[in-house]
């Protein structure tokens, strides 16, 4: 146990929360999970699921007091379940592009320095729901894949590939050479409801406070804005991304009476 605690910054990360933890147990290879920490007296139905999955994958389950779990996840809401896992892995950009090269209308999401892990987790969740093929984030000055992101995504982190790159502007050039069109958020942009997101597209979402950086903004083929009539003229990054992703989704699908027609 002490070995895991001391090596957390380099060799171990945590997935916590009942939904995220159980989903990780069901879907991920046992080699990725070092140990399962279960709170003493946790709800019987949750404990039964954990022990069944752990037995199937031959993973150690350790019963611990709530205070131990609180310490492991820095007082986050763990709901009595914490998994010690190997660090989250990122997808290589070339591998991602190769995996979707046969698609007629691949859709990628680029996040310019999203700093709040809760926003990143929320965005991952919506990206999974709307069929985003992958997310691109910068290596510096941005949230990476963490246990907080995993919990907030409620399992979506296991399904949406995330690429981390050194330079977003250079990545834009690479993708434009492959035929992708870029759409970014800006206060002076076109009304998002008119956005036709069919084809090879990348939606760029800016930093929570500063928006898209000037050099990156110059690379956009079109900018989009979400009209607002209230006193506060800005939206949470996760909320804004959700609105735009569903505009993308609707422009690619025929939706009538609640039924999606391909």
Protein backbone atom coordinates (compact mmCIF):
# COMPACT_ATOMS: atom_id res chain seq x y z
CA UNK A 1 0.00 0.00 0.00
CA UNK A 2 2.74 2.47 0.90
CA UNK A 3 4.48 1.67 -2.34
CA UNK A 4 1.38 2.69 -4.28
CA UNK A 5 0.96 5.90 -2.33
CA UNK A 6 4.57 6.96 -2.84
CA UNK A 7 4.68 6.15 -6.53
CA UNK A 8 1.35 7.77 -7.39
CA UNK A 9 2.84 10.71 -9.32
CA UNK A 10 4.79 8.42 -11.66
CA UNK A 11 3.39 4.91 -11.78
CA UNK A 12 -0.14 4.85 -10.40
CA UNK A 13 -3.34 6.75 -10.99
CA UNK A 14 -6.80 6.26 -9.57
CA UNK A 15 -10.28 5.72 -10.94
CA UNK A 16 -12.95 6.33 -8.34
CA UNK A 17 -16.71 6.49 -8.00
CA UNK A 18 -19.15 3.62 -8.45
CA UNK A 19 -20.08 4.16 -12.08
CA UNK A 20 -16.57 4.96 -13.33
CA UNK A 21 -14.98 2.25 -11.19
CA UNK A 22 -17.36 -0.54 -12.15
CA UNK A 23 -17.22 0.43 -15.83
CA UNK A 24 -13.41 0.34 -15.75
CA UNK A 25 -13.51 -3.07 -14.09
CA UNK A 26 -15.89 -4.44 -16.72
CA UNK A 27 -14.21 -3.05 -19.81
CA UNK A 28 -10.46 -2.86 -19.12
CA UNK A 29 -7.81 -5.53 -19.08
CA UNK A 30 -6.85 -6.83 -15.63
CA UNK A 31 -3.22 -5.89 -16.29
CA UNK A 32 -4.19 -2.20 -16.05
CA UNK A 33 -5.58 -2.53 -12.52
CA UNK A 34 -3.16 -2.87 -9.63
CA UNK A 35 -5.60 -3.10 -6.75
CA UNK A 36 -9.19 -2.39 -5.77
CA UNK A 37 -9.93 -0.45 -2.58
CA UNK A 38 -13.44 -0.93 -1.23
CA UNK A 39 -14.83 1.00 1.71
CA UNK A 40 -15.84 -1.01 4.76
CA UNK A 41 -19.62 -1.34 4.92
CA UNK A 42 -20.25 -0.15 1.37
CA UNK A 43 -23.65 -0.95 -0.11
CA UNK A 44 -23.99 -4.72 -0.52
CA UNK A 45 -25.10 -4.60 -4.16
CA UNK A 46 -21.99 -2.58 -5.06
CA UNK A 47 -19.69 -4.84 -3.05
CA UNK A 48 -21.12 -7.95 -4.72
CA UNK A 49 -20.45 -6.54 -8.20
CA UNK A 50 -16.92 -5.54 -7.25
CA UNK A 51 -16.04 -8.94 -5.78
CA UNK A 52 -17.53 -10.83 -8.74
CA UNK A 53 -15.58 -8.76 -11.26
CA UNK A 54 -12.40 -8.91 -9.17
CA UNK A 55 -12.64 -12.69 -8.83
CA UNK A 56 -13.14 -13.08 -12.57
CA UNK A 57 -10.07 -10.95 -13.32
CA UNK A 58 -8.01 -12.19 -10.37
CA UNK A 59 -7.51 -8.73 -8.85
CA UNK A 60 -6.91 -8.09 -5.16
CA UNK A 61 -9.69 -6.30 -3.25
CA UNK A 62 -8.70 -4.54 -0.05
CA UNK A 63 -11.35 -3.38 2.44
CA UNK A 64 -10.36 -0.06 3.98
CA UNK A 65 -11.96 2.68 6.08
CA UNK A 66 -13.44 5.75 4.40
CA UNK A 67 -10.58 7.90 5.70
CA UNK A 68 -8.08 5.88 3.67
CA UNK A 69 -10.07 6.38 0.46
CA UNK A 70 -10.45 10.09 1.22
CA UNK A 71 -6.66 10.35 1.42
CA UNK A 72 -6.07 8.38 -1.77
CA UNK A 73 -8.23 10.66 -3.89
CA UNK A 74 -7.58 13.93 -2.05
CA UNK A 75 -11.05 14.22 -0.49
CA UNK A 76 -12.91 13.72 -3.78
CA UNK A 77 -16.29 11.94 -3.73
CA UNK A 78 -15.22 8.30 -4.23
CA UNK A 79 -18.55 6.68 -3.24
CA UNK A 80 -16.68 3.88 -1.49
CA UNK A 81 -14.74 2.55 -4.50
CA UNK A 82 -11.22 3.38 -5.70
CA UNK A 83 -9.13 1.51 -8.30
CA UNK A 84 -5.35 1.91 -8.37
CA UNK A 85 -4.42 1.70 -12.04
CA UNK A 86 -1.50 2.27 -14.37
CA UNK A 87 -1.39 5.86 -15.71
CA UNK A 88 -3.90 6.78 -18.40
CA UNK A 89 -2.53 6.34 -21.89
CA UNK A 90 -2.85 8.76 -24.79
CA UNK A 91 -3.40 7.82 -28.42
CA UNK A 92 -0.84 8.70 -31.07
CA UNK A 93 -2.18 11.19 -33.63
CA UNK A 94 -1.07 9.11 -36.61
CA UNK A 95 -2.72 6.01 -35.13
CA UNK A 96 -5.97 7.91 -34.60
CA UNK A 97 -5.99 9.29 -38.14
CA UNK A 98 -5.25 5.86 -39.58
CA UNK A 99 -8.15 4.32 -37.63
CA UNK A 100 -10.65 6.79 -39.12
CA UNK A 101 -9.21 7.32 -42.59
CA UNK A 102 -11.94 5.23 -44.22
CA UNK A 103 -14.75 7.30 -42.69
CA UNK A 104 -16.49 9.75 -44.99
CA UNK A 105 -17.06 12.31 -42.25
CA UNK A 106 -14.66 11.92 -39.32
CA UNK A 107 -15.12 14.46 -36.54
CA UNK A 108 -12.43 15.57 -34.10
CA UNK A 109 -12.48 17.91 -31.14
CA UNK A 110 -9.50 20.13 -30.30
CA UNK A 111 -9.31 21.70 -26.84
CA UNK A 112 -7.09 24.77 -26.50
CA UNK A 113 -5.82 24.73 -22.90
CA UNK A 114 -8.90 23.52 -21.01
CA UNK A 115 -7.58 23.69 -17.44
CA UNK A 116 -10.45 22.38 -15.32
CA UNK A 117 -10.44 18.56 -15.16
CA UNK A 118 -14.18 18.60 -14.50
CA UNK A 119 -14.72 20.40 -17.80
CA UNK A 120 -12.53 17.89 -19.61
CA UNK A 121 -14.42 14.99 -18.05
CA UNK A 122 -17.77 16.53 -18.98
CA UNK A 123 -16.57 17.12 -22.55
CA UNK A 124 -15.42 13.50 -22.83
CA UNK A 125 -18.86 12.35 -21.74
CA UNK A 126 -20.62 14.47 -24.37
CA UNK A 127 -18.06 13.53 -27.01
CA UNK A 128 -18.84 9.86 -26.45
CA UNK A 129 -22.58 10.54 -26.65
CA UNK A 130 -22.31 12.42 -29.96
CA UNK A 131 -19.86 10.13 -31.74
CA UNK A 132 -16.70 12.25 -31.69
CA UNK A 133 -13.82 10.20 -33.12
CA UNK A 134 -11.09 11.70 -30.96
CA UNK A 135 -9.99 14.64 -28.83
CA UNK A 136 -6.75 16.58 -29.24
CA UNK A 137 -5.23 18.47 -26.29
CA UNK A 138 -1.92 20.29 -25.76
CA UNK A 139 0.79 18.89 -23.50
CA UNK A 140 1.27 22.13 -21.57
CA UNK A 141 -1.02 24.49 -19.65
CA UNK A 142 -4.00 22.15 -19.87
CA UNK A 143 -5.64 19.38 -17.89
CA UNK A 144 -4.51 15.90 -18.84
CA UNK A 145 -6.22 12.59 -18.17
CA UNK A 146 -6.55 12.24 -14.41
CA UNK A 147 -8.69 10.39 -11.92
CA UNK A 148 -10.96 13.45 -11.61
CA UNK A 149 -11.42 13.51 -15.38
CA UNK A 150 -12.17 9.78 -15.36
CA UNK A 151 -14.81 10.11 -12.66
CA UNK A 152 -16.49 13.13 -14.25
CA UNK A 153 -16.59 11.36 -17.62
CA UNK A 154 -18.49 8.44 -15.99
CA UNK A 155 -16.60 5.93 -18.09
CA UNK A 156 -16.36 7.83 -21.39
CA UNK A 157 -12.60 8.13 -20.90
CA UNK A 158 -12.41 4.43 -21.84
CA UNK A 159 -14.05 4.97 -25.23
CA UNK A 160 -12.95 8.33 -26.66
CA UNK A 161 -9.30 8.44 -27.83
CA UNK A 162 -7.34 11.41 -26.51
CA UNK A 163 -4.24 12.68 -28.31
CA UNK A 164 -1.75 15.00 -26.62
CA UNK A 165 0.44 17.11 -28.92
CA UNK A 166 3.29 19.60 -28.51
CA UNK A 167 1.87 22.30 -30.78
CA UNK A 168 -1.78 22.79 -31.71
CA UNK A 169 -1.06 25.17 -34.61
CA UNK A 170 1.28 22.65 -36.24
CA UNK A 171 -1.33 19.96 -35.69
CA UNK A 172 -3.88 22.13 -37.51
CA UNK A 173 -1.52 22.33 -40.49
CA UNK A 174 -1.14 18.55 -40.47
CA UNK A 175 -4.89 18.00 -40.42
CA UNK A 176 -5.62 20.64 -43.06
CA UNK A 177 -3.22 18.81 -45.39
CA UNK A 178 -5.45 15.78 -44.89
CA UNK A 179 -8.59 17.69 -45.83
CA UNK A 180 -10.03 18.69 -42.46
CA UNK A 181 -11.99 21.93 -42.01
CA UNK A 182 -11.65 23.86 -38.76
CA UNK A 183 -14.40 25.56 -36.79
CA UNK A 184 -13.69 27.57 -33.66
CA UNK A 185 -15.64 29.48 -31.04
CA UNK A 186 -15.55 33.29 -31.03
CA UNK A 187 -17.87 36.04 -29.79
CA UNK A 188 -18.02 37.58 -33.28
CA UNK A 189 -18.60 34.28 -35.07
CA UNK A 190 -21.58 33.04 -37.07
CA UNK A 191 -24.67 31.75 -35.30
CA UNK A 192 -23.95 28.12 -34.43
CA UNK A 193 -27.44 27.01 -35.51
CA UNK A 194 -26.40 27.59 -39.13
CA UNK A 195 -23.30 25.39 -38.82
CA UNK A 196 -23.19 22.51 -41.29
CA UNK A 197 -20.77 20.05 -39.69
CA UNK A 198 -20.85 17.39 -42.36
CA UNK A 199 -17.55 16.24 -43.85
CA UNK A 200 -14.09 16.10 -42.28
CA UNK A 201 -14.35 18.56 -39.41
CA UNK A 202 -12.50 19.70 -36.30
CA UNK A 203 -14.25 21.80 -33.66
CA UNK A 204 -11.88 23.92 -31.56
CA UNK A 205 -12.88 24.98 -28.06
CA UNK A 206 -10.88 27.68 -26.30
CA UNK A 207 -9.62 28.13 -22.76
CA UNK A 208 -12.23 28.79 -20.05
CA UNK A 209 -11.16 32.41 -19.60
CA UNK A 210 -9.13 33.46 -22.65
CA UNK A 211 -10.83 31.56 -25.44
CA UNK A 212 -8.87 30.32 -28.45
CA UNK A 213 -5.33 31.67 -28.63
CA UNK A 214 -4.78 34.28 -31.40
CA UNK A 215 -2.42 32.18 -33.54
CA UNK A 216 -4.78 29.22 -33.46
CA UNK A 217 -7.83 31.40 -34.12
CA UNK A 218 -6.26 32.62 -37.38
CA UNK A 219 -6.28 29.02 -38.61
CA UNK A 220 -10.07 28.66 -38.38
CA UNK A 221 -12.09 28.28 -41.58
CA UNK A 222 -15.18 29.55 -39.76
CA UNK A 223 -15.92 30.83 -36.26
CA UNK A 224 -19.12 30.10 -34.37
CA UNK A 225 -20.93 31.83 -31.55
CA UNK A 226 -23.78 30.83 -29.24
CA UNK A 227 -26.25 33.75 -28.95
CA UNK A 228 -27.11 34.75 -25.38
CA UNK A 229 -29.73 37.20 -24.12
CA UNK A 230 -28.93 37.14 -20.40
CA UNK A 231 -26.67 39.39 -18.36
CA UNK A 232 -23.78 36.88 -18.35
CA UNK A 233 -22.33 36.67 -21.85
CA UNK A 234 -20.35 33.47 -21.48
CA UNK A 235 -20.95 29.79 -20.87
CA UNK A 236 -19.02 27.12 -19.03
CA UNK A 237 -16.64 25.42 -21.49
CA UNK A 238 -18.27 22.04 -20.96
CA UNK A 239 -21.77 23.45 -21.54
CA UNK A 240 -20.72 25.36 -24.67
CA UNK A 241 -19.02 22.28 -26.07
CA UNK A 242 -22.16 20.23 -25.45
CA UNK A 243 -24.35 22.69 -27.35
CA UNK A 244 -22.00 22.75 -30.33
CA UNK A 245 -21.50 18.98 -30.40
CA UNK A 246 -25.25 18.44 -30.59
CA UNK A 247 -25.47 20.94 -33.43
CA UNK A 248 -22.83 18.80 -35.16
CA UNK A 249 -24.79 15.68 -34.30
CA UNK A 250 -28.08 17.09 -35.60
CA UNK A 251 -26.54 18.37 -38.82
CA UNK A 252 -25.27 14.85 -39.51
CA UNK A 253 -28.46 13.02 -38.59
CA UNK A 254 -32.08 13.23 -39.65
CA UNK A 255 -33.97 13.42 -36.36
CA UNK A 256 -37.74 13.14 -36.44
CA UNK A 257 -40.13 12.31 -33.62
CA UNK A 258 -37.22 11.22 -31.44
CA UNK A 259 -36.01 8.64 -33.95
CA UNK A 260 -32.60 8.88 -35.64
CA UNK A 261 -32.67 7.95 -39.32
CA UNK A 262 -29.31 7.07 -40.82
